[in-house]
Amino acid sequence: MLFATVVAKPDPKWGEVPCAFVGLKEGVSAREADIIAFCRSHMSGFKTPKAIMFGPIPRTSTGKIQKFLLRNEVGSAKAISA
């Protein structure tokens, strides 16, 4: 894994749940179930991501992660701006 970040994703039961975005190094592969199992064994249940999204993570020119774009991707931007 190269880096990861977590944002809130809307959930009908809990209101919102963690959703992780993972950027992998070239030639590295990982499965969603493996990452969730690892997190579950090292974190509290409510902190464990319920979904993992793989792909490039948007960054600014100074290297900061643009979480507002990730929130838009999972549909939580409306909940935050309300």
PDB file of N, CA and C in Angstrom:
ATOM      1  N   MET A   1       0.845  -1.168   0.000  1.00  0.00           N
ATOM      2  CA  MET A   1       0.000   0.000   0.000  1.00  0.00           C
ATOM      3  C   MET A   1       0.893   1.234   0.000  1.00  0.00           C
ATOM      4  N   LEU A   2       0.487   2.219  -0.737  1.00  0.00           N
ATOM      5  CA  LEU A   2       1.221   3.472  -0.801  1.00  0.00           C
ATOM      6  C   LEU A   2       0.698   4.454   0.249  1.00  0.00           C
ATOM      7  N   PHE A   3      -0.609   4.691   0.243  1.00  0.00           N
ATOM      8  CA  PHE A   3      -1.217   5.544   1.258  1.00  0.00           C
ATOM      9  C   PHE A   3      -2.712   5.315   1.259  1.00  0.00           C
ATOM     10  N   ALA A   4      -3.360   5.781   2.316  1.00  0.00           N
ATOM     11  CA  ALA A   4      -4.808   5.614   2.444  1.00  0.00           C
ATOM     12  C   ALA A   4      -5.394   6.782   3.222  1.00  0.00           C
ATOM     13  N   THR A   5      -6.693   6.984   3.031  1.00  0.00           N
ATOM     14  CA  THR A   5      -7.427   7.991   3.790  1.00  0.00           C
ATOM     15  C   THR A   5      -8.847   7.480   3.989  1.00  0.00           C
ATOM     16  N   VAL A   6      -9.538   8.033   4.962  1.00  0.00           N
ATOM     17  CA  VAL A   6     -10.893   7.582   5.282  1.00  0.00           C
ATOM     18  C   VAL A   6     -11.830   8.782   5.328  1.00  0.00           C
ATOM     19  N   VAL A   7     -13.011   8.613   4.753  1.00  0.00           N
ATOM     20  CA  VAL A   7     -14.067   9.628   4.823  1.00  0.00           C
ATOM     21  C   VAL A   7     -15.358   8.950   5.258  1.00  0.00           C
ATOM     22  N   ALA A   8     -16.320   9.754   5.672  1.00  0.00           N
ATOM     23  CA  ALA A   8     -17.625   9.230   6.071  1.00  0.00           C
ATOM     24  C   ALA A   8     -18.469   8.950   4.834  1.00  0.00           C
ATOM     25  N   LYS A   9     -19.158   7.819   4.865  1.00  0.00           N
ATOM     26  CA  LYS A   9     -20.058   7.430   3.778  1.00  0.00           C
ATOM     27  C   LYS A   9     -21.461   7.310   4.371  1.00  0.00           C
ATOM     28  N   PRO A  10     -22.478   7.863   3.723  1.00  0.00           N
ATOM     29  CA  PRO A  10     -23.841   7.765   4.249  1.00  0.00           C
ATOM     30  C   PRO A  10     -24.283   6.305   4.406  1.00  0.00           C
ATOM     31  N   ASP A  11     -25.023   6.036   5.472  1.00  0.00           N
ATOM     32  CA  ASP A  11     -25.522   4.694   5.747  1.00  0.00           C
ATOM     33  C   ASP A  11     -26.948   4.818   6.276  1.00  0.00           C
ATOM     34  N   PRO A  12     -27.876   4.034   5.729  1.00  0.00           N
ATOM     35  CA  PRO A  12     -29.273   4.167   6.162  1.00  0.00           C
ATOM     36  C   PRO A  12     -29.501   3.789   7.625  1.00  0.00           C
ATOM     37  N   LYS A  13     -28.707   2.865   8.157  1.00  0.00           N
ATOM     38  CA  LYS A  13     -28.902   2.421   9.536  1.00  0.00           C
ATOM     39  C   LYS A  13     -28.165   3.294  10.547  1.00  0.00           C
ATOM     40  N   TRP A  14     -26.874   3.565  10.289  1.00  0.00           N
ATOM     41  CA  TRP A  14     -26.025   4.252  11.261  1.00  0.00           C
ATOM     42  C   TRP A  14     -25.857   5.751  10.994  1.00  0.00           C
ATOM     43  N   GLY A  15     -26.350   6.231   9.893  1.00  0.00           N
ATOM     44  CA  GLY A  15     -26.164   7.637   9.542  1.00  0.00           C
ATOM     45  C   GLY A  15     -24.951   7.819   8.646  1.00  0.00           C
ATOM     46  N   GLU A  16     -23.794   7.355   9.143  1.00  0.00           N
ATOM     47  CA  GLU A  16     -22.583   7.348   8.321  1.00  0.00           C
ATOM     48  C   GLU A  16     -21.632   6.273   8.849  1.00  0.00           C
ATOM     49  N   VAL A  17     -20.819   5.742   7.938  1.00  0.00           N
ATOM     50  CA  VAL A  17     -19.839   4.714   8.272  1.00  0.00           C
ATOM     51  C   VAL A  17     -18.518   5.069   7.582  1.00  0.00           C
ATOM     52  N   PRO A  18     -17.396   4.539   8.087  1.00  0.00           N
ATOM     53  CA  PRO A  18     -16.104   4.825   7.461  1.00  0.00           C
ATOM     54  C   PRO A  18     -15.967   4.137   6.091  1.00  0.00           C
ATOM     55  N   CYS A  19     -15.402   4.864   5.150  1.00  0.00           N
ATOM     56  CA  CYS A  19     -15.082   4.344   3.821  1.00  0.00           C
ATOM     57  C   CYS A  19     -13.625   4.709   3.533  1.00  0.00           C
ATOM     58  N   ALA A  20     -12.798   3.710   3.278  1.00  0.00           N
ATOM     59  CA  ALA A  20     -11.371   3.947   3.061  1.00  0.00           C
ATOM     60  C   ALA A  20     -11.051   4.022   1.572  1.00  0.00           C
ATOM     61  N   PHE A  21     -10.194   4.943   1.217  1.00  0.00           N
ATOM     62  CA  PHE A  21      -9.651   5.054  -0.132  1.00  0.00           C
ATOM     63  C   PHE A  21      -8.190   4.656  -0.047  1.00  0.00           C
ATOM     64  N   VAL A  22      -7.790   3.703  -0.876  1.00  0.00           N
ATOM     65  CA  VAL A  22      -6.434   3.153  -0.815  1.00  0.00           C
ATOM     66  C   VAL A  22      -5.745   3.325  -2.161  1.00  0.00           C
ATOM     67  N   GLY A  23      -4.566   3.913  -2.122  1.00  0.00           N
ATOM     68  CA  GLY A  23      -3.721   4.032  -3.310  1.00  0.00           C
ATOM     69  C   GLY A  23      -2.601   3.010  -3.193  1.00  0.00           C
ATOM     70  N   LEU A  24      -2.520   2.092  -4.133  1.00  0.00           N
ATOM     71  CA  LEU A  24      -1.521   1.023  -4.085  1.00  0.00           C
ATOM     72  C   LEU A  24      -0.285   1.368  -4.908  1.00  0.00           C
ATOM     73  N   LYS A  25       0.842   0.828  -4.490  1.00  0.00           N
ATOM     74  CA  LYS A  25       2.074   0.971  -5.265  1.00  0.00           C
ATOM     75  C   LYS A  25       1.939   0.183  -6.560  1.00  0.00           C
ATOM     76  N   GLU A  26       2.736   0.560  -7.531  1.00  0.00           N
ATOM     77  CA  GLU A  26       2.753  -0.126  -8.828  1.00  0.00           C
ATOM     78  C   GLU A  26       3.087  -1.607  -8.626  1.00  0.00           C
ATOM     79  N   GLY A  27       2.284  -2.482  -9.190  1.00  0.00           N
ATOM     80  CA  GLY A  27       2.544  -3.919  -9.124  1.00  0.00           C
ATOM     81  C   GLY A  27       2.076  -4.594  -7.844  1.00  0.00           C
ATOM     82  N   VAL A  28       1.466  -3.847  -6.925  1.00  0.00           N
ATOM     83  CA  VAL A  28       0.967  -4.413  -5.671  1.00  0.00           C
ATOM     84  C   VAL A  28      -0.537  -4.609  -5.790  1.00  0.00           C
ATOM     85  N   SER A  29      -1.022  -5.714  -5.252  1.00  0.00           N
ATOM     86  CA  SER A  29      -2.462  -5.939  -5.269  1.00  0.00           C
ATOM     87  C   SER A  29      -2.949  -6.222  -3.853  1.00  0.00           C
ATOM     88  N   ALA A  30      -4.191  -5.922  -3.610  1.00  0.00           N
ATOM     89  CA  ALA A  30      -4.809  -6.174  -2.314  1.00  0.00           C
ATOM     90  C   ALA A  30      -6.294  -6.391  -2.538  1.00  0.00           C
ATOM     91  N   ARG A  31      -6.908  -7.132  -1.620  1.00  0.00           N
ATOM     92  CA  ARG A  31      -8.346  -7.376  -1.700  1.00  0.00           C
ATOM     93  C   ARG A  31      -9.056  -6.599  -0.608  1.00  0.00           C
ATOM     94  N   GLU A  32     -10.249  -6.157  -0.910  1.00  0.00           N
ATOM     95  CA  GLU A  32     -11.037  -5.408   0.055  1.00  0.00           C
ATOM     96  C   GLU A  32     -11.233  -6.200   1.346  1.00  0.00           C
ATOM     97  N   ALA A  33     -11.560  -7.471   1.224  1.00  0.00           N
ATOM     98  CA  ALA A  33     -11.813  -8.306   2.402  1.00  0.00           C
ATOM     99  C   ALA A  33     -10.581  -8.418   3.291  1.00  0.00           C
ATOM    100  N   ASP A  34      -9.390  -8.498   2.698  1.00  0.00           N
ATOM    101  CA  ASP A  34      -8.156  -8.604   3.486  1.00  0.00           C
ATOM    102  C   ASP A  34      -7.887  -7.330   4.278  1.00  0.00           C
ATOM    103  N   ILE A  35      -8.106  -6.183   3.662  1.00  0.00           N
ATOM    104  CA  ILE A  35      -7.870  -4.911   4.343  1.00  0.00           C
ATOM    105  C   ILE A  35      -8.880  -4.717   5.475  1.00  0.00           C
ATOM    106  N   ILE A  36     -10.131  -5.042   5.226  1.00  0.00           N
ATOM    107  CA  ILE A  36     -11.151  -4.921   6.265  1.00  0.00           C
ATOM    108  C   ILE A  36     -10.842  -5.867   7.423  1.00  0.00           C
ATOM    109  N   ALA A  37     -10.431  -7.095   7.134  1.00  0.00           N
ATOM    110  CA  ALA A  37     -10.078  -8.059   8.190  1.00  0.00           C
ATOM    111  C   ALA A  37      -8.896  -7.554   9.011  1.00  0.00           C
ATOM    112  N   PHE A  38      -7.888  -6.982   8.353  1.00  0.00           N
ATOM    113  CA  PHE A  38      -6.734  -6.436   9.067  1.00  0.00           C
ATOM    114  C   PHE A  38      -7.177  -5.300   9.991  1.00  0.00           C
ATOM    115  N   CYS A  39      -7.988  -4.383   9.464  1.00  0.00           N
ATOM    116  CA  CYS A  39      -8.470  -3.258  10.271  1.00  0.00           C
ATOM    117  C   CYS A  39      -9.305  -3.747  11.449  1.00  0.00           C
ATOM    118  N   ARG A  40     -10.147  -4.746  11.213  1.00  0.00           N
ATOM    119  CA  ARG A  40     -11.007  -5.278  12.273  1.00  0.00           C
ATOM    120  C   ARG A  40     -10.188  -5.877  13.413  1.00  0.00           C
ATOM    121  N   SER A  41      -9.040  -6.472  13.068  1.00  0.00           N
ATOM    122  CA  SER A  41      -8.210  -7.088  14.105  1.00  0.00           C
ATOM    123  C   SER A  41      -7.347  -6.066  14.856  1.00  0.00           C
ATOM    124  N   HIS A  42      -7.237  -4.839  14.339  1.00  0.00           N
ATOM    125  CA  HIS A  42      -6.395  -3.824  14.969  1.00  0.00           C
ATOM    126  C   HIS A  42      -7.154  -2.589  15.470  1.00  0.00           C
ATOM    127  N   MET A  43      -8.450  -2.491  15.176  1.00  0.00           N
ATOM    128  CA  MET A  43      -9.221  -1.297  15.551  1.00  0.00           C
ATOM    129  C   MET A  43     -10.548  -1.696  16.169  1.00  0.00           C
ATOM    130  N   SER A  44     -11.191  -0.723  16.780  1.00  0.00           N
ATOM    131  CA  SER A  44     -12.547  -0.916  17.283  1.00  0.00           C
ATOM    132  C   SER A  44     -13.486  -1.142  16.099  1.00  0.00           C
ATOM    133  N   GLY A  45     -14.565  -1.854  16.336  1.00  0.00           N
ATOM    134  CA  GLY A  45     -15.502  -2.181  15.272  1.00  0.00           C
ATOM    135  C   GLY A  45     -16.083  -0.972  14.572  1.00  0.00           C
ATOM    136  N   PHE A  46     -16.403   0.082  15.347  1.00  0.00           N
ATOM    137  CA  PHE A  46     -17.014   1.259  14.724  1.00  0.00           C
ATOM    138  C   PHE A  46     -16.020   2.056  13.892  1.00  0.00           C
ATOM    139  N   LYS A  47     -14.725   1.831  14.077  1.00  0.00           N
ATOM    140  CA  LYS A  47     -13.702   2.526  13.296  1.00  0.00           C
ATOM    141  C   LYS A  47     -13.320   1.760  12.034  1.00  0.00           C
ATOM    142  N   THR A  48     -13.692   0.493  11.940  1.00  0.00           N
ATOM    143  CA  THR A  48     -13.334  -0.343  10.807  1.00  0.00           C
ATOM    144  C   THR A  48     -14.083   0.117   9.553  1.00  0.00           C
ATOM    145  N   PRO A  49     -13.362   0.341   8.446  1.00  0.00           N
ATOM    146  CA  PRO A  49     -14.045   0.744   7.201  1.00  0.00           C
ATOM    147  C   PRO A  49     -15.038  -0.322   6.747  1.00  0.00           C
ATOM    148  N   LYS A  50     -16.173   0.118   6.287  1.00  0.00           N
ATOM    149  CA  LYS A  50     -17.195  -0.804   5.765  1.00  0.00           C
ATOM    150  C   LYS A  50     -17.032  -1.010   4.263  1.00  0.00           C
ATOM    151  N   ALA A  51     -16.263  -0.143   3.623  1.00  0.00           N
ATOM    152  CA  ALA A  51     -15.997  -0.255   2.182  1.00  0.00           C
ATOM    153  C   ALA A  51     -14.585   0.254   1.906  1.00  0.00           C
ATOM    154  N   ILE A  52     -13.952  -0.333   0.902  1.00  0.00           N
ATOM    155  CA  ILE A  52     -12.614   0.068   0.469  1.00  0.00           C
ATOM    156  C   ILE A  52     -12.699   0.427  -1.010  1.00  0.00           C
ATOM    157  N   MET A  53     -12.193   1.590  -1.361  1.00  0.00           N
ATOM    158  CA  MET A  53     -12.157   2.025  -2.759  1.00  0.00           C
ATOM    159  C   MET A  53     -10.689   2.092  -3.176  1.00  0.00           C
ATOM    160  N   PHE A  54     -10.346   1.429  -4.264  1.00  0.00           N
ATOM    161  CA  PHE A  54      -8.976   1.428  -4.775  1.00  0.00           C
ATOM    162  C   PHE A  54      -8.855   2.401  -5.938  1.00  0.00           C
ATOM    163  N   GLY A  55      -7.720   3.047  -6.029  1.00  0.00           N
ATOM    164  CA  GLY A  55      -7.471   3.947  -7.150  1.00  0.00           C
ATOM    165  C   GLY A  55      -6.660   5.145  -6.721  1.00  0.00           C
ATOM    166  N   PRO A  56      -6.420   6.043  -7.660  1.00  0.00           N
ATOM    167  CA  PRO A  56      -5.645   7.245  -7.334  1.00  0.00           C
ATOM    168  C   PRO A  56      -6.423   8.141  -6.368  1.00  0.00           C
ATOM    169  N   ILE A  57      -5.698   8.743  -5.448  1.00  0.00           N
ATOM    170  CA  ILE A  57      -6.301   9.646  -4.471  1.00  0.00           C
ATOM    171  C   ILE A  57      -5.933  11.076  -4.868  1.00  0.00           C
ATOM    172  N   PRO A  58      -6.940  11.936  -5.086  1.00  0.00           N
ATOM    173  CA  PRO A  58      -6.650  13.303  -5.540  1.00  0.00           C
ATOM    174  C   PRO A  58      -5.892  14.101  -4.487  1.00  0.00           C
ATOM    175  N   ARG A  59      -4.877  14.837  -4.965  1.00  0.00           N
ATOM    176  CA  ARG A  59      -4.056  15.658  -4.079  1.00  0.00           C
ATOM    177  C   ARG A  59      -3.902  17.058  -4.654  1.00  0.00           C
ATOM    178  N   THR A  60      -3.584  17.998  -3.782  1.00  0.00           N
ATOM    179  CA  THR A  60      -3.311  19.359  -4.222  1.00  0.00           C
ATOM    180  C   THR A  60      -1.867  19.435  -4.710  1.00  0.00           C
ATOM    181  N   SER A  61      -1.480  20.605  -5.191  1.00  0.00           N
ATOM    182  CA  SER A  61      -0.102  20.771  -5.661  1.00  0.00           C
ATOM    183  C   SER A  61       0.909  20.666  -4.522  1.00  0.00           C
ATOM    184  N   THR A  62       0.451  20.871  -3.289  1.00  0.00           N
ATOM    185  CA  THR A  62       1.357  20.745  -2.143  1.00  0.00           C
ATOM    186  C   THR A  62       1.309  19.358  -1.509  1.00  0.00           C
ATOM    187  N   GLY A  63       0.497  18.454  -2.076  1.00  0.00           N
ATOM    188  CA  GLY A  63       0.464  17.073  -1.614  1.00  0.00           C
ATOM    189  C   GLY A  63      -0.640  16.728  -0.631  1.00  0.00           C
ATOM    190  N   LYS A  64      -1.487  17.690  -0.278  1.00  0.00           N
ATOM    191  CA  LYS A  64      -2.577  17.401   0.646  1.00  0.00           C
ATOM    192  C   LYS A  64      -3.691  16.648  -0.082  1.00  0.00           C
ATOM    193  N   ILE A  65      -4.295  15.701   0.625  1.00  0.00           N
ATOM    194  CA  ILE A  65      -5.390  14.917   0.047  1.00  0.00           C
ATOM    195  C   ILE A  65      -6.644  15.788  -0.019  1.00  0.00           C
ATOM    196  N   GLN A  66      -7.313  15.767  -1.154  1.00  0.00           N
ATOM    197  CA  GLN A  66      -8.533  16.553  -1.357  1.00  0.00           C
ATOM    198  C   GLN A  66      -9.742  15.716  -0.942  1.00  0.00           C
ATOM    199  N   LYS A  67     -10.002  15.717   0.357  1.00  0.00           N
ATOM    200  CA  LYS A  67     -11.075  14.877   0.895  1.00  0.00           C
ATOM    201  C   LYS A  67     -12.454  15.285   0.386  1.00  0.00           C
ATOM    202  N   PHE A  68     -12.643  16.553   0.057  1.00  0.00           N
ATOM    203  CA  PHE A  68     -13.954  16.973  -0.428  1.00  0.00           C
ATOM    204  C   PHE A  68     -14.309  16.252  -1.724  1.00  0.00           C
ATOM    205  N   LEU A  69     -13.325  15.937  -2.560  1.00  0.00           N
ATOM    206  CA  LEU A  69     -13.590  15.168  -3.781  1.00  0.00           C
ATOM    207  C   LEU A  69     -13.957  13.726  -3.456  1.00  0.00           C
ATOM    208  N   LEU A  70     -13.312  13.169  -2.444  1.00  0.00           N
ATOM    209  CA  LEU A  70     -13.624  11.799  -2.031  1.00  0.00           C
ATOM    210  C   LEU A  70     -15.014  11.732  -1.403  1.00  0.00           C
ATOM    211  N   ARG A  71     -15.381  12.754  -0.632  1.00  0.00           N
ATOM    212  CA  ARG A  71     -16.730  12.802  -0.056  1.00  0.00           C
ATOM    213  C   ARG A  71     -17.776  12.881  -1.162  1.00  0.00           C
ATOM    214  N   ASN A  72     -17.479  13.654  -2.207  1.00  0.00           N
ATOM    215  CA  ASN A  72     -18.415  13.726  -3.344  1.00  0.00           C
ATOM    216  C   ASN A  72     -18.561  12.362  -4.002  1.00  0.00           C
ATOM    217  N   GLU A  73     -17.481  11.617  -4.087  1.00  0.00           N
ATOM    218  CA  GLU A  73     -17.508  10.311  -4.737  1.00  0.00           C
ATOM    219  C   GLU A  73     -18.401   9.307  -4.005  1.00  0.00           C
ATOM    220  N   VAL A  74     -18.414   9.361  -2.679  1.00  0.00           N
ATOM    221  CA  VAL A  74     -19.249   8.418  -1.910  1.00  0.00           C
ATOM    222  C   VAL A  74     -20.610   9.010  -1.546  1.00  0.00           C
ATOM    223  N   GLY A  75     -20.831  10.266  -1.921  1.00  0.00           N
ATOM    224  CA  GLY A  75     -22.139  10.873  -1.705  1.00  0.00           C
ATOM    225  C   GLY A  75     -22.345  11.476  -0.331  1.00  0.00           C
ATOM    226  N   SER A  76     -21.277  11.746   0.396  1.00  0.00           N
ATOM    227  CA  SER A  76     -21.458  12.319   1.728  1.00  0.00           C
ATOM    228  C   SER A  76     -21.321  13.829   1.753  1.00  0.00           C
ATOM    229  N   ALA A  77     -21.031  14.460   0.646  1.00  0.00           N
ATOM    230  CA  ALA A  77     -20.847  15.912   0.608  1.00  0.00           C
ATOM    231  C   ALA A  77     -22.122  16.630   1.016  1.00  0.00           C
ATOM    232  N   LYS A  78     -23.282  16.126   0.634  1.00  0.00           N
ATOM    233  CA  LYS A  78     -24.555  16.760   0.980  1.00  0.00           C
ATOM    234  C   LYS A  78     -24.786  16.727   2.479  1.00  0.00           C
ATOM    235  N   ALA A  79     -24.407  15.641   3.125  1.00  0.00           N
ATOM    236  CA  ALA A  79     -24.595  15.527   4.570  1.00  0.00           C
ATOM    237  C   ALA A  79     -23.694  16.499   5.313  1.00  0.00           C
ATOM    238  N   ILE A  80     -22.501  16.755   4.794  1.00  0.00           N
ATOM    239  CA  ILE A  80     -21.548  17.644   5.478  1.00  0.00           C
ATOM    240  C   ILE A  80     -21.946  19.101   5.277  1.00  0.00           C
ATOM    241  N   SER A  81     -22.408  19.455   4.095  1.00  0.00           N
ATOM    242  CA  SER A  81     -22.733  20.859   3.818  1.00  0.00           C
ATOM    243  C   SER A  81     -24.070  21.279   4.390  1.00  0.00           C
ATOM    244  N   ALA A  82     -24.887  20.325   4.830  1.00  0.00           N
ATOM    245  CA  ALA A  82     -26.216  20.649   5.352  1.00  0.00           C
ATOM    246  C   ALA A  82     -26.157  21.236   6.738  1.00  0.00           C
TER     247      ALA A  82
END
